């Protein structure tokens, strides 16, 4: 049994068939198998490892080199995807072996964070990952937006196919990457797939010529549904401009559905808006994303509140040891401390990741088995890592 890295055409007979069996209907048709070759350009920058024995691929896992915003700082992030095992080789430890090596290699190349969409969250929790909030899916009718048609708004909307508007879309997601906590985007080699497939309309809100909101969408049929992807806006005006455009479809479609960030409140968009908001998780097939720190270097220099605490990291391959975190200057520092006066908390990698991503309060960690946090240490950690709502955005 060997582990090797595969590239280019090797994926057609190794990682792609395993991932398709794990995550698609099967057996695959000849036409579906033939489509695999079309995916090669969008995987060329990925790191894909397989476990192989006697010419048979037993398991595969890939890492997409991405970037993610952690509390205002954009860092290299390894997006784990395509984790799959041959049905006759499952529960033999192959995925564990692959993930250890894959994350070792990505960390050595400078990726300080990692994120994924799990088939089962409890499996990846053993690798130090912690859950992030899932985006909301919002459904409403264009008739409910009628009041917006009487409003004179500053700004304008742009409307075009995504192939034509891709540069504007990409630039706007880059802006969100810089400004939004938790936000991650694909590398260029993967992101251009949306442009090349050209399956969506691109709607943009512009004020003084600057894109302040965007959403891609398609309409399934007359009298049917407008299916929107991620509704990205920088302010309420941008959102209102986009909704006003949707209101003009009242005689064309029955309903509209879009995805919004976890901290969005669609029920407050308009008075008397009849809206359904849902974030459903299920195993398998509809799990919320997960993320973790791969290196303590990810913390150095992060914006931080006042606080000073010693953390003991245990039970992890990549994060270990005792470290003093100091945020008294407003930027998080890992410093030497010989006094021993700072309060101490014992954390798992998932516990520290939960604090860094802002998804759990320090007092929740012991309840989740993610550490031991005395009251004085909880106060300091709460100051260092105020609660935040991360939005991963990229779906992989």
Protein backbone atom coordinates (compact mmCIF):
# COMPACT_ATOMS: atom_id res chain seq x y z
CA UNK A 1 0.00 0.00 0.00
CA UNK A 2 1.41 3.38 -0.99
CA UNK A 3 0.42 7.04 -0.79
CA UNK A 4 1.18 9.20 -3.78
CA UNK A 5 0.23 12.56 -5.21
CA UNK A 6 -1.77 12.52 -8.45
CA UNK A 7 -2.05 15.31 -11.00
CA UNK A 8 -3.67 16.01 -14.36
CA UNK A 9 -5.10 12.98 -16.18
CA UNK A 10 -4.37 10.65 -13.23
CA UNK A 11 -7.42 12.10 -11.54
CA UNK A 12 -9.69 10.65 -14.22
CA UNK A 13 -9.08 7.09 -13.01
CA UNK A 14 -8.24 7.67 -9.34
CA UNK A 15 -9.78 10.47 -7.28
CA UNK A 16 -12.64 11.53 -9.59
CA UNK A 17 -14.39 8.11 -9.75
CA UNK A 18 -14.15 7.64 -5.97
CA UNK A 19 -15.57 11.10 -5.25
CA UNK A 20 -18.35 10.55 -7.77
CA UNK A 21 -19.32 7.25 -6.14
CA UNK A 22 -19.33 8.89 -2.70
CA UNK A 23 -21.26 12.04 -3.56
CA UNK A 24 -23.32 11.40 -6.73
CA UNK A 25 -25.93 8.96 -7.99
CA UNK A 26 -24.40 5.72 -9.23
CA UNK A 27 -23.50 3.72 -11.23
CA UNK A 28 -22.24 6.54 -13.40
CA UNK A 29 -23.32 6.74 -17.00
CA UNK A 30 -20.72 6.82 -19.75
CA UNK A 31 -21.75 10.40 -20.51
CA UNK A 32 -21.18 11.46 -16.89
CA UNK A 33 -17.77 9.78 -16.81
CA UNK A 34 -16.81 11.58 -20.00
CA UNK A 35 -17.55 14.90 -18.28
CA UNK A 36 -14.72 14.32 -15.80
CA UNK A 37 -12.17 15.56 -18.32
CA UNK A 38 -13.90 18.94 -18.38
CA UNK A 39 -13.08 19.33 -14.66
CA UNK A 40 -9.33 18.89 -15.01
CA UNK A 41 -8.44 22.57 -15.58
CA UNK A 42 -10.27 23.55 -12.40
CA UNK A 43 -8.31 21.04 -10.30
CA UNK A 44 -4.84 21.72 -11.67
CA UNK A 45 -3.70 23.70 -8.64
CA UNK A 46 -5.11 21.29 -6.07
CA UNK A 47 -3.02 18.86 -4.06
CA UNK A 48 -4.58 15.40 -4.41
CA UNK A 49 -3.31 12.37 -2.53
CA UNK A 50 -4.45 8.78 -2.94
CA UNK A 51 -3.91 5.50 -1.13
CA UNK A 52 -3.16 2.82 -3.71
CA UNK A 53 -2.69 -0.94 -3.57
CA UNK A 54 -2.04 -3.23 -6.54
CA UNK A 55 -3.15 -0.49 -8.92
CA UNK A 56 -6.46 0.11 -7.12
CA UNK A 57 -7.25 3.47 -5.55
CA UNK A 58 -8.47 2.83 -2.01
CA UNK A 59 -8.97 6.42 -0.84
CA UNK A 60 -8.44 9.97 -2.03
CA UNK A 61 -8.37 13.48 -0.56
CA UNK A 62 -7.66 16.90 -2.04
CA UNK A 63 -6.71 20.31 -0.70
CA UNK A 64 -7.60 23.49 -2.56
CA UNK A 65 -5.15 26.35 -1.93
CA UNK A 66 -7.44 29.18 -0.83
CA UNK A 67 -7.44 32.40 1.18
CA UNK A 68 -9.64 33.16 4.17
CA UNK A 69 -10.32 36.21 6.31
CA UNK A 70 -9.76 35.56 10.01
CA UNK A 71 -10.84 38.57 12.10
CA UNK A 72 -9.80 41.01 9.39
CA UNK A 73 -6.55 39.35 8.32
CA UNK A 74 -6.43 37.34 5.07
CA UNK A 75 -4.45 34.12 5.48
CA UNK A 76 -3.63 31.07 3.33
CA UNK A 77 -6.22 28.34 3.90
CA UNK A 78 -6.38 24.70 2.79
CA UNK A 79 -9.88 23.78 1.65
CA UNK A 80 -10.26 20.02 2.06
CA UNK A 81 -12.51 18.34 -0.51
CA UNK A 82 -13.08 15.12 -2.41
CA UNK A 83 -12.45 12.90 0.62
CA UNK A 84 -13.67 9.46 -0.42
CA UNK A 85 -12.91 5.78 0.14
CA UNK A 86 -13.44 2.70 -2.00
CA UNK A 87 -16.53 0.87 -0.66
CA UNK A 88 -14.47 -2.27 0.04
CA UNK A 89 -11.78 -0.33 1.90
CA UNK A 90 -13.83 1.77 4.29
CA UNK A 91 -13.21 2.00 8.05
CA UNK A 92 -9.61 0.86 7.67
CA UNK A 93 -7.96 4.18 8.57
CA UNK A 94 -7.08 5.25 5.03
CA UNK A 95 -8.72 8.68 5.29
CA UNK A 96 -7.00 9.39 8.60
CA UNK A 97 -3.63 8.57 7.06
CA UNK A 98 -4.36 10.73 4.01
CA UNK A 99 -5.61 13.72 6.00
CA UNK A 100 -2.58 13.68 8.26
CA UNK A 101 -0.21 13.75 5.30
CA UNK A 102 -2.31 16.20 3.28
CA UNK A 103 -2.54 18.73 6.10
CA UNK A 104 1.13 18.20 6.98
CA UNK A 105 2.07 19.16 3.43
CA UNK A 106 -0.32 22.12 3.20
CA UNK A 107 0.88 23.44 6.56
CA UNK A 108 4.51 23.10 5.49
CA UNK A 109 3.65 25.21 2.42
CA UNK A 110 2.33 28.01 4.62
CA UNK A 111 -1.40 27.32 4.89
CA UNK A 112 -2.30 28.46 8.40
CA UNK A 113 -6.01 27.55 8.30
CA UNK A 114 -8.16 24.77 6.95
CA UNK A 115 -11.89 24.44 6.21
CA UNK A 116 -14.19 21.79 4.78
CA UNK A 117 -17.77 20.62 4.37
CA UNK A 118 -18.02 17.35 6.31
CA UNK A 119 -19.93 14.20 5.40
CA UNK A 120 -20.19 13.73 9.18
CA UNK A 121 -19.07 16.53 11.52
CA UNK A 122 -18.13 14.19 14.38
CA UNK A 123 -15.58 12.49 12.12
CA UNK A 124 -13.72 15.72 11.42
CA UNK A 125 -14.07 16.91 15.00
CA UNK A 126 -11.45 14.25 15.77
CA UNK A 127 -9.08 16.18 13.51
CA UNK A 128 -9.55 19.42 15.42
CA UNK A 129 -12.22 21.00 13.21
CA UNK A 130 -15.06 23.01 14.75
CA UNK A 131 -18.42 23.90 13.23
CA UNK A 132 -19.13 27.23 11.54
CA UNK A 133 -22.64 28.64 11.02
CA UNK A 134 -24.46 27.62 7.90
CA UNK A 135 -25.75 30.28 5.48
CA UNK A 136 -29.51 30.86 5.39
CA UNK A 137 -31.74 30.07 2.44
CA UNK A 138 -34.43 32.73 2.04
CA UNK A 139 -37.64 32.29 0.04
CA UNK A 140 -40.23 34.98 -0.73
CA UNK A 141 -42.50 36.14 -3.54
CA UNK A 142 -41.87 39.10 -5.86
CA UNK A 143 -45.36 40.39 -5.03
CA UNK A 144 -44.14 41.01 -1.46
CA UNK A 145 -41.55 43.41 -2.86
CA UNK A 146 -44.09 45.65 -4.61
CA UNK A 147 -43.57 48.59 -2.27
CA UNK A 148 -39.99 48.90 -3.53
CA UNK A 149 -41.16 49.75 -7.04
CA UNK A 150 -42.37 53.13 -5.74
CA UNK A 151 -39.04 54.00 -4.11
CA UNK A 152 -36.53 56.25 -5.89
CA UNK A 153 -33.11 54.90 -4.94
CA UNK A 154 -29.70 56.39 -5.61
CA UNK A 155 -27.52 54.06 -7.64
CA UNK A 156 -28.29 51.59 -10.40
CA UNK A 157 -28.23 47.90 -11.21
CA UNK A 158 -26.26 46.06 -13.86
CA UNK A 159 -27.52 42.88 -15.53
CA UNK A 160 -25.50 40.53 -17.73
CA UNK A 161 -24.42 36.93 -18.18
CA UNK A 162 -21.79 35.81 -15.70
CA UNK A 163 -19.29 35.17 -18.50
CA UNK A 164 -19.38 38.85 -19.40
CA UNK A 165 -19.58 40.12 -15.83
CA UNK A 166 -17.11 37.72 -14.26
CA UNK A 167 -14.33 40.33 -13.73
CA UNK A 168 -16.75 42.50 -11.71
CA UNK A 169 -18.00 39.48 -9.75
CA UNK A 170 -14.48 38.30 -8.97
CA UNK A 171 -13.38 41.77 -7.90
CA UNK A 172 -16.39 42.09 -5.60
CA UNK A 173 -15.70 38.72 -3.94
CA UNK A 174 -12.09 39.87 -3.46
CA UNK A 175 -13.44 42.95 -1.70
CA UNK A 176 -15.59 40.77 0.56
CA UNK A 177 -12.53 38.64 1.30
CA UNK A 178 -10.77 41.70 2.68
CA UNK A 179 -13.74 42.93 4.72
CA UNK A 180 -15.77 39.95 5.97
CA UNK A 181 -14.73 37.61 8.80
CA UNK A 182 -14.57 33.94 7.79
CA UNK A 183 -14.92 34.71 4.08
CA UNK A 184 -12.95 32.45 1.74
CA UNK A 185 -12.65 32.39 -2.04
CA UNK A 186 -11.33 29.92 -4.58
CA UNK A 187 -7.99 30.37 -6.33
CA UNK A 188 -8.24 31.68 -9.88
CA UNK A 189 -7.92 28.24 -11.48
CA UNK A 190 -11.04 27.05 -9.68
CA UNK A 191 -13.08 30.27 -9.63
CA UNK A 192 -13.13 30.69 -13.43
CA UNK A 193 -15.33 27.59 -13.71
CA UNK A 194 -18.37 29.79 -13.09
CA UNK A 195 -17.33 32.04 -15.98
CA UNK A 196 -16.63 29.16 -18.32
CA UNK A 197 -19.90 27.33 -17.65
CA UNK A 198 -21.84 30.61 -18.05
CA UNK A 199 -25.00 29.18 -16.44
CA UNK A 200 -26.12 32.26 -14.48
CA UNK A 201 -27.16 35.85 -14.80
CA UNK A 202 -25.14 38.36 -12.79
CA UNK A 203 -27.02 41.18 -11.08
CA UNK A 204 -24.96 43.98 -9.54
CA UNK A 205 -25.84 47.04 -7.47
CA UNK A 206 -23.67 50.06 -8.22
CA UNK A 207 -23.38 53.40 -6.46
CA UNK A 208 -21.21 56.10 -8.06
CA UNK A 209 -19.93 53.42 -10.40
CA UNK A 210 -18.74 51.13 -7.60
CA UNK A 211 -20.16 47.62 -7.16
CA UNK A 212 -21.72 47.43 -3.69
CA UNK A 213 -23.87 44.31 -4.11
CA UNK A 214 -24.10 41.27 -6.35
CA UNK A 215 -25.95 38.01 -6.83
CA UNK A 216 -25.89 35.34 -9.52
CA UNK A 217 -29.14 33.59 -10.43
CA UNK A 218 -31.13 31.58 -12.95
CA UNK A 219 -34.85 31.16 -13.63
CA UNK A 220 -36.12 27.61 -14.07
CA UNK A 221 -39.30 28.35 -16.05
CA UNK A 222 -42.10 30.86 -16.61
CA UNK A 223 -44.23 30.92 -13.49
CA UNK A 224 -41.49 29.09 -11.63
CA UNK A 225 -38.63 30.03 -9.33
CA UNK A 226 -35.78 32.50 -9.53
CA UNK A 227 -32.91 30.58 -7.95
CA UNK A 228 -30.34 32.98 -6.52
CA UNK A 229 -26.96 31.98 -5.21
CA UNK A 230 -25.13 34.11 -2.60
CA UNK A 231 -26.62 37.57 -2.07
CA UNK A 232 -23.58 39.71 -1.24
CA UNK A 233 -24.05 43.33 -0.20
CA UNK A 234 -21.97 45.93 1.57
CA UNK A 235 -24.90 47.98 2.89
CA UNK A 236 -28.74 48.12 3.01
CA UNK A 237 -28.92 50.33 -0.07
CA UNK A 238 -27.20 47.69 -2.20
CA UNK A 239 -29.57 45.01 -0.93
CA UNK A 240 -32.60 47.19 -1.64
CA UNK A 241 -31.41 47.87 -5.20
CA UNK A 242 -31.16 44.13 -5.83
CA UNK A 243 -34.57 43.41 -4.29
CA UNK A 244 -36.13 46.19 -6.33
CA UNK A 245 -34.89 44.49 -9.49
CA UNK A 246 -36.44 41.20 -8.34
CA UNK A 247 -39.75 42.99 -7.70
CA UNK A 248 -40.01 43.67 -11.44
CA UNK A 249 -40.43 39.92 -12.03
CA UNK A 250 -43.87 39.78 -10.39
CA UNK A 251 -45.58 38.73 -13.65
CA UNK A 252 -42.88 36.23 -14.60
CA UNK A 253 -42.08 34.06 -11.58
CA UNK A 254 -43.87 32.72 -8.53
CA UNK A 255 -41.07 32.78 -5.97
CA UNK A 256 -37.50 33.85 -5.32
CA UNK A 257 -34.91 32.01 -3.30
CA UNK A 258 -31.45 33.29 -2.38
CA UNK A 259 -28.68 32.42 0.05
CA UNK A 260 -27.70 34.99 2.67
CA UNK A 261 -24.92 35.12 5.29
CA UNK A 262 -25.64 33.63 8.75
CA UNK A 263 -25.90 37.06 10.38
CA UNK A 264 -28.46 38.41 7.89
CA UNK A 265 -32.04 39.08 9.12
CA UNK A 266 -34.38 38.85 6.11
CA UNK A 267 -37.49 39.09 8.29
CA UNK A 268 -36.52 42.74 8.88
CA UNK A 269 -35.90 43.68 5.24
CA UNK A 270 -39.41 45.06 4.70
CA UNK A 271 -42.62 45.57 6.64
CA UNK A 272 -45.19 42.83 5.92
CA UNK A 273 -42.62 40.70 4.08
CA UNK A 274 -43.80 37.09 4.00
CA UNK A 275 -40.49 35.26 4.06
CA UNK A 276 -39.25 31.77 4.87
CA UNK A 277 -35.73 31.56 6.31
CA UNK A 278 -34.08 28.18 6.75
CA UNK A 279 -30.71 26.74 7.72
CA UNK A 280 -31.08 22.97 7.86
CA UNK A 281 -28.33 20.52 8.71
CA UNK A 282 -28.50 16.79 8.14
CA UNK A 283 -26.09 13.84 8.01
CA UNK A 284 -25.12 12.98 5.40
CA UNK A 285 -25.53 15.56 2.68
CA UNK A 286 -26.32 18.87 4.34
CA UNK A 287 -23.78 19.62 7.05
CA UNK A 288 -22.60 23.04 8.12
CA UNK A 289 -18.98 23.89 7.28
CA UNK A 290 -16.09 23.35 9.69
CA UNK A 291 -12.69 24.98 10.11
CA UNK A 292 -9.57 24.91 12.23
CA UNK A 293 -6.23 26.60 12.82
CA UNK A 294 -3.31 24.66 11.35
CA UNK A 295 -0.64 26.87 12.91
CA UNK A 296 -0.44 29.28 15.81
CA UNK A 297 1.12 31.73 13.34
CA UNK A 298 -2.47 32.39 12.26
CA UNK A 299 -3.05 34.21 15.56
CA UNK A 300 -0.02 36.48 15.46
CA UNK A 301 -1.06 40.07 14.77
CA UNK A 302 -4.81 39.47 14.72
CA UNK A 303 -6.92 42.36 16.02
CA UNK A 304 -7.65 41.52 19.65
CA UNK A 305 -9.38 42.94 22.65
CA UNK A 306 -7.63 43.39 26.00
CA UNK A 307 -6.65 40.12 27.57
CA UNK A 308 -3.72 38.03 28.68
CA UNK A 309 -3.91 34.28 29.20
CA UNK A 310 -1.74 31.20 29.05
CA UNK A 311 -3.10 28.30 27.01
CA UNK A 312 -2.03 24.69 27.13
CA UNK A 313 -2.86 22.94 23.86
CA UNK A 314 -3.33 19.19 24.03
CA UNK A 315 -4.23 16.22 21.88
CA UNK A 316 -3.41 17.63 18.46
CA UNK A 317 -0.91 16.84 15.72
CA UNK A 318 -0.36 20.46 14.68
CA UNK A 319 -1.09 22.64 17.72
CA UNK A 320 0.64 21.76 20.99
CA UNK A 321 2.54 23.22 23.90
CA UNK A 322 2.03 26.10 26.30
CA UNK A 323 1.73 29.62 24.94
CA UNK A 324 0.98 33.04 26.36
CA UNK A 325 -1.52 35.12 24.39
CA UNK A 326 -1.37 38.87 24.93
CA UNK A 327 -3.77 41.38 23.38
CA UNK A 328 -2.98 44.43 25.48
CA UNK A 329 -1.57 46.33 22.48
CA UNK A 330 -4.68 45.68 20.36
CA UNK A 331 -2.87 43.10 18.24
CA UNK A 332 -2.58 39.51 19.41
CA UNK A 333 0.93 38.43 20.35
CA UNK A 334 2.41 35.11 21.41
CA UNK A 335 4.97 36.14 24.01
CA UNK A 336 7.36 34.63 26.51
CA UNK A 337 6.27 34.96 30.12
CA UNK A 338 8.41 33.88 33.03
CA UNK A 339 6.17 35.27 35.76
CA UNK A 340 3.49 32.60 35.58
CA UNK A 341 0.90 35.16 36.70
CA UNK A 342 -1.49 34.92 33.76
CA UNK A 343 -4.50 32.61 34.20
CA UNK A 344 -4.28 29.32 32.34
CA UNK A 345 -6.77 27.44 30.18
CA UNK A 346 -6.31 23.97 28.72
CA UNK A 347 -7.69 23.80 25.18
CA UNK A 348 -7.99 21.34 22.35
CA UNK A 349 -7.23 22.51 18.81
CA UNK A 350 -10.97 22.68 18.15
CA UNK A 351 -11.44 24.75 21.30
CA UNK A 352 -8.85 27.31 20.24
CA UNK A 353 -10.24 27.32 16.69
CA UNK A 354 -13.74 27.94 18.03
CA UNK A 355 -12.47 31.02 19.87
CA UNK A 356 -10.46 32.31 16.92
CA UNK A 357 -13.41 31.95 14.53
CA UNK A 358 -15.71 33.45 17.15
CA UNK A 359 -18.32 30.69 17.21
CA UNK A 360 -18.20 29.69 20.90
CA UNK A 361 -17.86 31.52 24.20
CA UNK A 362 -15.03 30.29 26.46
CA UNK A 363 -17.55 28.96 28.99
CA UNK A 364 -19.02 26.67 26.31
CA UNK A 365 -15.75 24.84 25.69
CA UNK A 366 -15.85 22.57 28.78
CA UNK A 367 -19.46 21.69 27.99
CA UNK A 368 -18.37 20.53 24.53
CA UNK A 369 -15.29 18.63 25.69
CA UNK A 370 -13.01 21.22 24.08
CA UNK A 371 -11.03 22.28 27.12
CA UNK A 372 -10.91 23.30 30.75
CA UNK A 373 -11.42 27.02 31.21
CA UNK A 374 -11.44 28.51 34.73
CA UNK A 375 -13.52 31.64 35.21
CA UNK A 376 -10.55 34.01 35.27
CA UNK A 377 -9.16 32.51 32.04
CA UNK A 378 -12.61 32.72 30.40
CA UNK A 379 -12.71 36.45 31.12
CA UNK A 380 -9.33 36.98 29.44
CA UNK A 381 -10.18 34.76 26.46
CA UNK A 382 -13.48 36.57 25.98
CA UNK A 383 -11.56 39.82 25.79
CA UNK A 384 -9.03 38.44 23.32
CA UNK A 385 -11.59 36.76 21.08
CA UNK A 386 -14.93 38.62 21.02
CA UNK A 387 -17.77 36.64 19.48
CA UNK A 388 -18.01 36.99 15.69
CA UNK A 389 -20.22 35.40 13.02
CA UNK A 390 -18.03 33.93 10.28
CA UNK A 391 -19.32 33.43 6.72
CA UNK A 392 -17.27 30.91 4.74
CA UNK A 393 -18.97 31.69 1.37
CA UNK A 394 -16.97 29.32 -0.86
CA UNK A 395 -18.73 25.99 -1.28
CA UNK A 396 -16.50 23.04 -2.10
